[in-house]
Amino acid sequence: MNQENGPPMKIAVVGSGLAGLTAARELSKKHKVTLYEKHAVLGMDAHSIELECEGKEFRVDVPLRVVYPGYYRTLLKLYEELKIETQPVSYSASFSLASGDAYFRYKNLSLGSRSIPIGSPALLLRTPSRKIVRDIFRFFRFGKRDLRIGKMSNRSIADYLEEAKYSNWFKDGFIYPAFAGICTCTLDAVRNYPAELIIRYLNDGLLFQSVRRVTRGTKDVVSRFAQSIDSIKLSTGVKRISRGKSGLLLLDEKGVETNFDHIVMAAQANQSARIIESDFGREANLLREFKYEKSSVVMHKDNLLAPRNPKDWSPINFSTSDPSQTPMATIWINSVQPELNCYPPIFQTWNPTVRPRDESVLSEAHFERPVVRSSNGSKAVDALQALHNEENRRIWFCGSFADYKVPLLESACSSALSVANQILAH
């Protein structure tokens, strides 16, 4: 049934992360949308904190989100439509041993919209830095070519780098911890990532474009996305979704059951599977093909989680103590949000391998992150799209897991727009 000129449909969107907000905003242009969120605030902003500095209050996004134009094209186009301002930030990095001693560090020289990474001269005198720099140039020179000629197909990044004989310092000391930090996953997960996804992400200009953050933070983002949504139910989790006589029935955790024409699941795949499994076993089984890893982020003031020498402090600081574990990534917030320079050093650490001193902890949040394995590649995503292409479909799925990209903000909004467009075409 084509609803283009018909009456508005009733549509539920479950989850108010970026995928849910994007789908709800797009669908609200023609239909009556109800957005469900289990937290007391919209999900994308659920863990942010307020800090006071010289009598002024500042909000710090948890987790901190940065983007760059080459990869985040869909997201930045949405931000432009919503007049969400972004600003360039310094996002150079240091890499340290578990002892806190840095072995590689680079800064960014900004030239307009371009950003040129410059290695630390002092550290470049050492073997680890020289090997990393040599292999970085090699990687960017040949990676795109190898992708174009099909050398990456169905191969993990570890297999690709091993066959090409990249140095251990580049693999274990740079590319794996950096990408594990980007995706907040374990080093083992990174090694199993499809080589083509990592090379596409890095070759879209990550090291050579100005990284940007939302000027007014995530609170401004969720506020602008939510403006056109008909109904938003906060502190309202969803317990079950089942088939009804004329549509779908959504039972929320407050015991209220509501009938909808369509339902968009914008929660994690594993969470959505539990909600729908009673009536949608086939869909639930497919969603379980998408795997997740647990991750945590701590806001704190303990500089013991930063490099030992303050001269090595960078906006983002990577450290790993065990090659099979999740590397620790400590963001020096003051350097990313210059308005907080009046505040003592404050850090946001992903997956701390050292527990910050209790008195220094400001907040702690726990997440699950989707991971992509080269063994199944795009199969699960392709199967999900095939599901969406079925006639008379009423239940849909989107999120960072639902597009064959690195599972970040860009894949969340691109998959949400795809689902919204398919529903609008019904």
Protein backbone atom coordinates (compact mmCIF):
# COMPACT_ATOMS: atom_id res chain seq x y z
CA MET A 1 0.00 0.00 0.00
CA ASN A 2 1.47 3.37 -1.02
CA GLN A 3 0.92 5.94 1.72
CA GLU A 4 2.46 8.87 -0.13
CA ASN A 5 -0.91 10.63 -0.55
CA GLY A 6 -2.80 8.73 2.14
CA PRO A 7 -3.39 9.52 5.81
CA PRO A 8 -0.39 9.60 8.16
CA MET A 9 0.66 6.25 9.58
CA LYS A 10 1.38 5.57 13.24
CA ILE A 11 5.06 4.64 13.58
CA ALA A 12 7.09 3.77 16.67
CA VAL A 13 10.84 4.20 16.87
CA VAL A 14 12.55 2.31 19.70
CA GLY A 15 15.79 3.89 20.91
CA SER A 16 16.95 7.50 20.73
CA GLY A 17 20.58 7.18 19.81
CA LEU A 18 21.61 8.81 16.56
CA ALA A 19 19.92 6.10 14.48
CA GLY A 20 16.61 6.47 16.31
CA LEU A 21 16.69 10.26 16.18
CA THR A 22 17.50 10.23 12.47
CA ALA A 23 14.75 7.75 11.60
CA ALA A 24 12.18 9.52 13.79
CA ARG A 25 12.99 12.95 12.35
CA GLU A 26 12.80 11.74 8.75
CA LEU A 27 9.55 9.79 9.25
CA SER A 28 7.95 12.70 11.11
CA LYS A 29 7.89 14.67 7.88
CA LYS A 30 4.85 12.63 6.76
CA HIS A 31 3.74 10.41 9.63
CA LYS A 32 2.90 10.44 13.35
CA VAL A 33 5.96 9.13 15.17
CA THR A 34 6.33 8.03 18.78
CA LEU A 35 9.91 7.72 20.02
CA TYR A 36 10.59 5.38 22.97
CA GLU A 37 13.65 5.83 25.20
CA LYS A 38 14.39 3.87 28.37
CA HIS A 39 16.62 6.62 29.82
CA ALA A 40 15.32 9.81 31.41
CA VAL A 41 16.98 11.87 28.66
CA LEU A 42 17.41 11.19 24.96
CA GLY A 43 19.86 8.33 24.54
CA MET A 44 22.58 10.11 22.60
CA ASP A 45 22.98 12.53 25.52
CA ALA A 46 22.20 10.10 28.36
CA HIS A 47 25.69 10.00 29.91
CA SER A 48 27.00 13.55 29.43
CA ILE A 49 28.03 15.50 32.52
CA GLU A 50 28.05 19.15 33.68
CA LEU A 51 31.19 20.87 34.99
CA GLU A 52 31.57 24.29 36.58
CA CYS A 53 34.56 26.41 35.61
CA GLU A 54 35.06 29.99 36.84
CA GLY A 55 31.39 30.32 37.67
CA LYS A 56 30.20 28.99 34.30
CA GLU A 57 28.67 25.60 33.56
CA PHE A 58 30.00 23.48 30.72
CA ARG A 59 28.66 20.20 29.40
CA VAL A 60 31.07 17.41 28.45
CA ASP A 61 29.83 14.75 26.07
CA VAL A 62 30.18 11.17 27.28
CA PRO A 63 31.33 9.58 25.12
CA LEU A 64 33.16 12.35 23.30
CA ARG A 65 32.26 12.26 19.61
CA VAL A 66 34.41 13.64 16.82
CA VAL A 67 33.96 13.36 13.06
CA TYR A 68 35.82 14.25 9.90
CA PRO A 69 34.28 15.28 6.55
CA GLY A 70 35.77 12.54 4.36
CA TYR A 71 33.99 9.67 6.12
CA TYR A 72 31.02 11.24 7.92
CA ARG A 73 29.32 12.67 4.83
CA THR A 74 25.74 11.64 5.67
CA LEU A 75 26.00 12.81 9.26
CA LEU A 76 27.51 16.19 8.43
CA LYS A 77 24.85 16.78 5.79
CA LEU A 78 22.18 16.21 8.46
CA TYR A 79 24.02 18.56 10.82
CA GLU A 80 24.06 21.19 8.09
CA GLU A 81 20.31 20.82 7.49
CA LEU A 82 19.65 21.21 11.22
CA LYS A 83 22.10 24.13 11.54
CA ILE A 84 24.19 22.19 14.06
CA GLU A 85 27.54 23.96 14.25
CA THR A 86 30.82 22.08 14.37
CA GLN A 87 34.33 23.32 15.11
CA PRO A 88 37.79 21.96 14.34
CA VAL A 89 39.60 20.42 17.30
CA SER A 90 43.09 19.20 17.91
CA TYR A 91 43.00 15.41 17.88
CA SER A 92 46.63 14.40 17.68
CA ALA A 93 47.72 11.30 19.55
CA SER A 94 50.40 9.67 21.66
CA PHE A 95 51.13 5.96 22.03
CA SER A 96 52.63 4.63 25.26
CA LEU A 97 53.75 1.41 26.85
CA ALA A 98 51.99 0.20 29.99
CA SER A 99 54.71 1.97 31.97
CA GLY A 100 53.42 5.30 30.67
CA ASP A 101 56.51 5.94 28.53
CA ALA A 102 55.59 7.26 25.07
CA TYR A 103 57.21 5.66 22.03
CA PHE A 104 55.31 7.58 19.30
CA ARG A 105 53.50 10.90 19.17
CA TYR A 106 52.31 13.25 16.47
CA LYS A 107 50.78 16.72 16.33
CA ASN A 108 48.52 18.22 13.68
CA LEU A 109 49.57 21.28 11.71
CA SER A 110 46.35 22.97 10.54
CA LEU A 111 46.29 24.53 7.09
CA GLY A 112 42.72 25.70 6.52
CA SER A 113 40.56 22.60 6.18
CA ARG A 114 43.64 20.42 5.87
CA SER A 115 45.57 18.84 8.73
CA ILE A 116 49.16 17.64 8.38
CA PRO A 117 50.42 15.16 11.02
CA ILE A 118 53.93 15.92 12.25
CA GLY A 119 55.81 13.31 14.28
CA SER A 120 57.56 14.30 17.50
CA PRO A 121 61.20 15.08 16.55
CA ALA A 122 62.52 13.73 19.86
CA LEU A 123 60.72 10.40 19.48
CA LEU A 124 61.58 10.10 15.78
CA LEU A 125 65.16 9.50 16.84
CA ARG A 126 64.01 6.16 18.27
CA THR A 127 63.49 2.94 16.32
CA PRO A 128 59.76 2.45 17.12
CA SER A 129 58.79 5.88 15.79
CA ARG A 130 60.89 5.54 12.65
CA LYS A 131 59.32 2.18 11.81
CA ILE A 132 55.81 3.49 12.45
CA VAL A 133 56.32 6.59 10.28
CA ARG A 134 57.85 4.52 7.46
CA ASP A 135 54.92 2.11 7.47
CA ILE A 136 52.33 4.88 7.71
CA PHE A 137 53.59 6.34 4.44
CA ARG A 138 53.64 2.87 2.91
CA PHE A 139 50.15 2.06 4.15
CA PHE A 140 48.62 5.22 2.72
CA ARG A 141 50.51 4.81 -0.53
CA PHE A 142 49.52 1.21 -1.26
CA GLY A 143 46.35 0.61 0.79
CA LYS A 144 43.96 2.37 -1.56
CA ARG A 145 45.54 0.66 -4.57
CA ASP A 146 45.19 -2.78 -2.98
CA LEU A 147 41.57 -2.03 -2.15
CA ARG A 148 40.88 -1.01 -5.75
CA ILE A 149 42.37 -4.18 -7.25
CA GLY A 150 40.44 -6.44 -4.86
CA LYS A 151 43.34 -7.52 -2.67
CA MET A 152 41.24 -6.90 0.48
CA SER A 153 38.22 -9.08 -0.33
CA ASN A 154 37.22 -11.30 2.63
CA ARG A 155 40.53 -10.65 4.37
CA SER A 156 41.16 -9.45 7.89
CA ILE A 157 43.42 -6.48 8.49
CA ALA A 158 45.82 -8.80 10.36
CA ASP A 159 46.12 -11.13 7.34
CA TYR A 160 46.69 -8.21 4.99
CA LEU A 161 49.37 -6.55 7.13
CA GLU A 162 51.10 -9.85 7.87
CA GLU A 163 51.36 -10.82 4.22
CA ALA A 164 52.65 -7.36 3.31
CA LYS A 165 55.27 -7.65 6.09
CA TYR A 166 54.45 -4.47 7.99
CA SER A 167 56.51 -4.03 11.13
CA ASN A 168 55.25 -5.16 14.53
CA TRP A 169 55.65 -1.61 15.80
CA PHE A 170 53.24 -0.37 13.13
CA LYS A 171 50.76 -3.21 13.67
CA ASP A 172 50.80 -3.70 17.44
CA GLY A 173 52.07 -0.26 18.36
CA PHE A 174 49.99 1.94 16.09
CA ILE A 175 47.25 0.66 13.79
CA TYR A 176 45.67 -1.92 16.12
CA PRO A 177 45.53 0.23 19.28
CA ALA A 178 44.44 3.30 17.29
CA PHE A 179 41.58 1.48 15.63
CA ALA A 180 40.62 -0.32 18.83
CA GLY A 181 40.37 3.14 20.38
CA ILE A 182 38.24 4.45 17.51
CA CYS A 183 35.86 1.48 17.78
CA THR A 184 36.32 0.95 21.54
CA CYS A 185 36.88 -2.76 21.04
CA THR A 186 39.58 -5.31 21.85
CA LEU A 187 42.77 -5.71 19.88
CA ASP A 188 41.67 -9.21 18.88
CA ALA A 189 38.49 -7.73 17.40
CA VAL A 190 40.50 -5.21 15.39
CA ARG A 191 42.76 -7.93 13.99
CA ASN A 192 39.64 -9.71 12.70
CA TYR A 193 38.14 -6.58 11.13
CA PRO A 194 37.72 -6.66 7.35
CA ALA A 195 40.79 -4.96 5.89
CA GLU A 196 38.65 -3.07 3.38
CA LEU A 197 36.64 -1.30 6.12
CA ILE A 198 39.72 -0.06 7.97
CA ILE A 199 41.48 1.08 4.81
CA ARG A 200 38.38 2.91 3.57
CA TYR A 201 38.02 4.67 6.92
CA LEU A 202 41.65 5.75 7.12
CA ASN A 203 41.99 6.65 3.45
CA ASP A 204 39.02 9.01 3.51
CA GLY A 205 41.33 11.57 5.04
CA LEU A 206 41.43 10.87 8.77
CA LEU A 207 45.03 11.99 9.26
CA PHE A 208 44.82 14.83 6.75
CA GLN A 209 41.50 16.56 7.48
CA SER A 210 40.54 18.69 10.46
CA VAL A 211 38.66 16.57 12.98
CA ARG A 212 35.52 18.32 14.22
CA ARG A 213 33.21 18.22 17.22
CA VAL A 214 29.76 19.71 17.71
CA THR A 215 30.30 23.21 19.09
CA ARG A 216 27.40 23.12 21.57
CA GLY A 217 27.68 19.42 22.35
CA THR A 218 25.34 16.46 22.11
CA LYS A 219 22.57 18.20 24.04
CA ASP A 220 22.17 20.62 21.13
CA VAL A 221 22.20 17.72 18.66
CA VAL A 222 19.39 15.78 20.33
CA SER A 223 17.34 18.94 20.86
CA ARG A 224 17.42 19.84 17.17
CA PHE A 225 16.70 16.30 15.98
CA ALA A 226 13.78 15.99 18.40
CA GLN A 227 12.01 19.25 17.49
CA SER A 228 9.76 17.75 14.81
CA ILE A 229 8.99 14.40 16.50
CA ASP A 230 5.30 14.11 17.42
CA SER A 231 5.64 12.22 20.71
CA ILE A 232 8.68 11.32 22.83
CA LYS A 233 8.30 8.88 25.71
CA LEU A 234 11.29 9.09 28.05
CA SER A 235 11.92 6.65 30.90
CA THR A 236 9.82 4.19 28.89
CA GLY A 237 11.52 0.98 27.90
CA VAL A 238 9.91 -1.49 25.50
CA LYS A 239 9.14 -4.97 26.80
CA ARG A 240 7.71 -6.82 23.80
CA ILE A 241 6.66 -6.36 20.20
CA SER A 242 4.17 -8.77 18.65
CA ARG A 243 1.84 -9.09 15.69
CA GLY A 244 -1.61 -7.58 15.96
CA LYS A 245 -4.72 -7.93 13.81
CA SER A 246 -4.08 -4.70 11.92
CA GLY A 247 -0.46 -3.94 12.61
CA LEU A 248 2.10 -4.40 15.36
CA LEU A 249 1.57 -4.27 19.11
CA LEU A 250 4.16 -2.59 21.32
CA LEU A 251 4.04 -3.34 25.04
CA ASP A 252 6.10 -0.89 27.07
CA GLU A 253 7.56 -1.55 30.51
CA LYS A 254 4.80 0.53 32.12
CA GLY A 255 2.25 -2.02 30.90
CA VAL A 256 0.77 0.11 28.10
CA GLU A 257 0.10 -1.68 24.80
CA THR A 258 -0.16 0.41 21.63
CA ASN A 259 -0.90 -0.52 18.01
CA PHE A 260 1.39 0.82 15.26
CA ASP A 261 1.48 0.51 11.49
CA HIS A 262 5.29 0.22 11.49
CA ILE A 263 7.96 -0.12 14.17
CA VAL A 264 11.61 0.84 13.71
CA MET A 265 14.00 -0.88 16.10
CA ALA A 266 16.90 1.52 16.59
CA ALA A 267 18.31 -0.23 19.64
CA GLN A 268 21.31 -2.57 19.68
CA ALA A 269 20.78 -5.72 17.62
CA ASN A 270 21.08 -8.00 20.67
CA GLN A 271 18.59 -5.90 22.65
CA SER A 272 16.13 -5.77 19.75
CA ALA A 273 16.35 -9.56 19.38
CA ARG A 274 15.14 -10.06 22.95
CA ILE A 275 12.23 -7.64 22.49
CA ILE A 276 10.88 -9.18 19.27
CA GLU A 277 11.74 -12.88 19.63
CA SER A 278 8.26 -14.07 20.72
CA ASP A 279 6.68 -13.29 17.32
CA PHE A 280 9.65 -12.61 15.07
CA GLY A 281 11.99 -15.56 15.53
CA ARG A 282 13.53 -15.31 12.06
CA GLU A 283 14.39 -11.66 12.52
CA ALA A 284 15.69 -12.26 16.05
CA ASN A 285 18.01 -15.01 14.85
CA LEU A 286 19.45 -12.72 12.20
CA LEU A 287 20.00 -9.92 14.72
CA ARG A 288 22.00 -12.32 16.89
CA GLU A 289 24.51 -12.64 14.04
CA PHE A 290 25.72 -9.15 14.97
CA LYS A 291 28.26 -9.46 17.79
CA TYR A 292 29.05 -7.01 20.58
CA GLU A 293 31.80 -6.36 23.09
CA LYS A 294 31.49 -4.64 26.45
CA SER A 295 33.21 -1.31 26.95
CA SER A 296 33.40 1.31 29.68
CA VAL A 297 34.31 4.99 29.89
CA VAL A 298 35.33 6.89 33.02
CA MET A 299 35.47 10.66 33.48
CA HIS A 300 38.15 11.50 36.02
CA LYS A 301 41.00 13.80 37.12
CA ASP A 302 43.74 11.19 37.64
CA ASN A 303 46.79 11.99 35.50
CA LEU A 304 48.25 8.54 36.24
CA LEU A 305 46.18 7.33 33.27
CA ALA A 306 47.93 9.81 30.97
CA PRO A 307 51.51 9.44 29.67
CA ARG A 308 54.11 9.67 32.42
CA ASN A 309 55.73 12.82 30.94
CA PRO A 310 53.23 15.73 30.65
CA LYS A 311 55.14 16.86 27.54
CA ASP A 312 53.76 13.74 25.83
CA TRP A 313 50.16 14.49 26.73
CA SER A 314 48.05 14.66 23.57
CA PRO A 315 44.32 15.11 22.98
CA ILE A 316 44.11 11.31 22.76
CA ASN A 317 46.59 8.96 24.43
CA PHE A 318 46.71 5.24 23.68
CA SER A 319 48.21 2.65 26.00
CA THR A 320 48.12 -1.12 26.02
CA SER A 321 49.53 -3.66 28.45
CA ASP A 322 48.29 -6.93 26.92
CA PRO A 323 48.10 -7.61 23.18
CA SER A 324 44.86 -9.58 23.57
CA GLN A 325 42.98 -6.97 25.60
CA THR A 326 41.20 -3.70 24.92
CA PRO A 327 43.75 -0.87 24.82
CA MET A 328 43.24 2.09 27.11
CA ALA A 329 42.49 5.37 25.36
CA THR A 330 42.65 8.51 27.51
CA ILE A 331 41.26 11.73 26.05
CA TRP A 332 42.61 14.93 27.59
CA ILE A 333 39.34 16.85 27.57
CA ASN A 334 40.84 20.30 28.26
CA SER A 335 42.76 20.13 24.99
CA VAL A 336 39.63 19.19 23.00
CA GLN A 337 37.34 21.73 24.70
CA PRO A 338 39.56 24.80 25.16
CA GLU A 339 36.86 26.57 27.21
CA LEU A 340 37.76 24.11 29.99
CA ASN A 341 41.36 25.36 30.23
CA CYS A 342 40.36 27.02 33.51
CA TYR A 343 39.58 23.55 34.90
CA PRO A 344 42.28 21.24 36.32
CA PRO A 345 43.29 18.44 33.90
CA ILE A 346 40.25 16.28 33.23
CA PHE A 347 40.27 13.02 31.31
CA GLN A 348 37.85 10.63 29.62
CA THR A 349 39.32 7.14 29.62
CA TRP A 350 37.95 4.25 27.60
CA ASN A 351 38.53 0.82 29.11
CA PRO A 352 41.00 1.81 31.82
CA THR A 353 43.65 -0.82 32.46
CA VAL A 354 44.47 1.11 35.64
CA ARG A 355 41.61 2.12 37.91
CA PRO A 356 41.53 5.91 38.50
CA ARG A 357 41.73 6.90 42.14
CA ASP A 358 38.19 6.89 43.55
CA GLU A 359 38.31 10.51 44.66
CA SER A 360 39.16 11.57 41.08
CA VAL A 361 36.20 9.83 39.38
CA LEU A 362 33.44 12.11 38.07
CA SER A 363 31.29 9.56 36.27
CA GLU A 364 31.37 6.06 34.81
CA ALA A 365 29.29 4.58 31.99
CA HIS A 366 29.13 1.15 30.38
CA PHE A 367 28.36 0.32 26.76
CA GLU A 368 28.27 -2.54 24.30
CA ARG A 369 29.91 -1.93 20.94
CA PRO A 370 29.24 -3.85 17.69
CA VAL A 371 32.22 -5.49 16.01
CA VAL A 372 32.63 -6.63 12.42
CA ARG A 373 34.46 -9.83 11.58
CA SER A 374 36.07 -10.61 8.26
CA SER A 375 34.76 -14.19 8.39
CA ASN A 376 31.18 -13.09 7.73
CA GLY A 377 31.98 -9.74 6.09
CA SER A 378 28.84 -8.12 4.78
CA LYS A 379 26.68 -11.29 4.90
CA ALA A 380 24.61 -10.27 7.92
CA VAL A 381 24.11 -6.74 6.58
CA ASP A 382 23.10 -8.12 3.18
CA ALA A 383 20.63 -10.49 4.86
CA LEU A 384 19.17 -7.60 6.84
CA GLN A 385 18.65 -5.58 3.66
CA ALA A 386 17.01 -8.58 1.98
CA LEU A 387 14.65 -8.75 4.96
CA HIS A 388 13.78 -5.06 4.53
CA ASN A 389 13.04 -5.62 0.85
CA GLU A 390 10.29 -8.14 1.59
CA GLU A 391 6.73 -7.12 0.73
CA ASN A 392 4.41 -6.01 3.53
CA ARG A 393 7.30 -5.51 5.94
CA ARG A 394 6.28 -3.65 9.09
CA ILE A 395 9.22 -4.11 11.48
CA TRP A 396 12.59 -2.56 10.62
CA PHE A 397 16.10 -2.39 12.07
CA CYS A 398 18.78 0.30 12.02
CA GLY A 399 21.82 1.31 14.02
CA SER A 400 25.58 1.48 13.75
CA PHE A 401 25.63 -2.32 13.21
CA ALA A 402 23.23 -2.21 10.25
CA ASP A 403 25.47 -0.89 7.47
CA TYR A 404 28.64 -2.43 6.10
CA LYS A 405 30.90 0.28 7.45
CA VAL A 406 32.90 0.84 10.60
CA PRO A 407 30.05 0.79 13.19
CA LEU A 408 30.13 4.45 14.18
CA LEU A 409 27.87 7.52 13.87
CA GLU A 410 27.96 7.51 10.06
CA SER A 411 26.62 3.96 9.75
CA ALA A 412 23.96 4.72 12.39
CA CYS A 413 22.48 7.62 10.44
CA SER A 414 22.94 6.09 6.96
CA SER A 415 21.12 2.89 7.98
CA ALA A 416 18.36 4.94 9.62
CA LEU A 417 17.84 7.04 6.49
CA SER A 418 17.70 3.86 4.38
CA VAL A 419 14.96 2.40 6.59
CA ALA A 420 13.03 5.67 6.69
CA ASN A 421 13.10 5.98 2.91
CA GLN A 422 11.81 2.42 2.50
CA ILE A 423 8.92 3.09 4.87
CA LEU A 424 8.10 6.39 3.16
CA ALA A 425 7.90 4.51 -0.14
CA HIS A 426 5.25 2.11 1.18
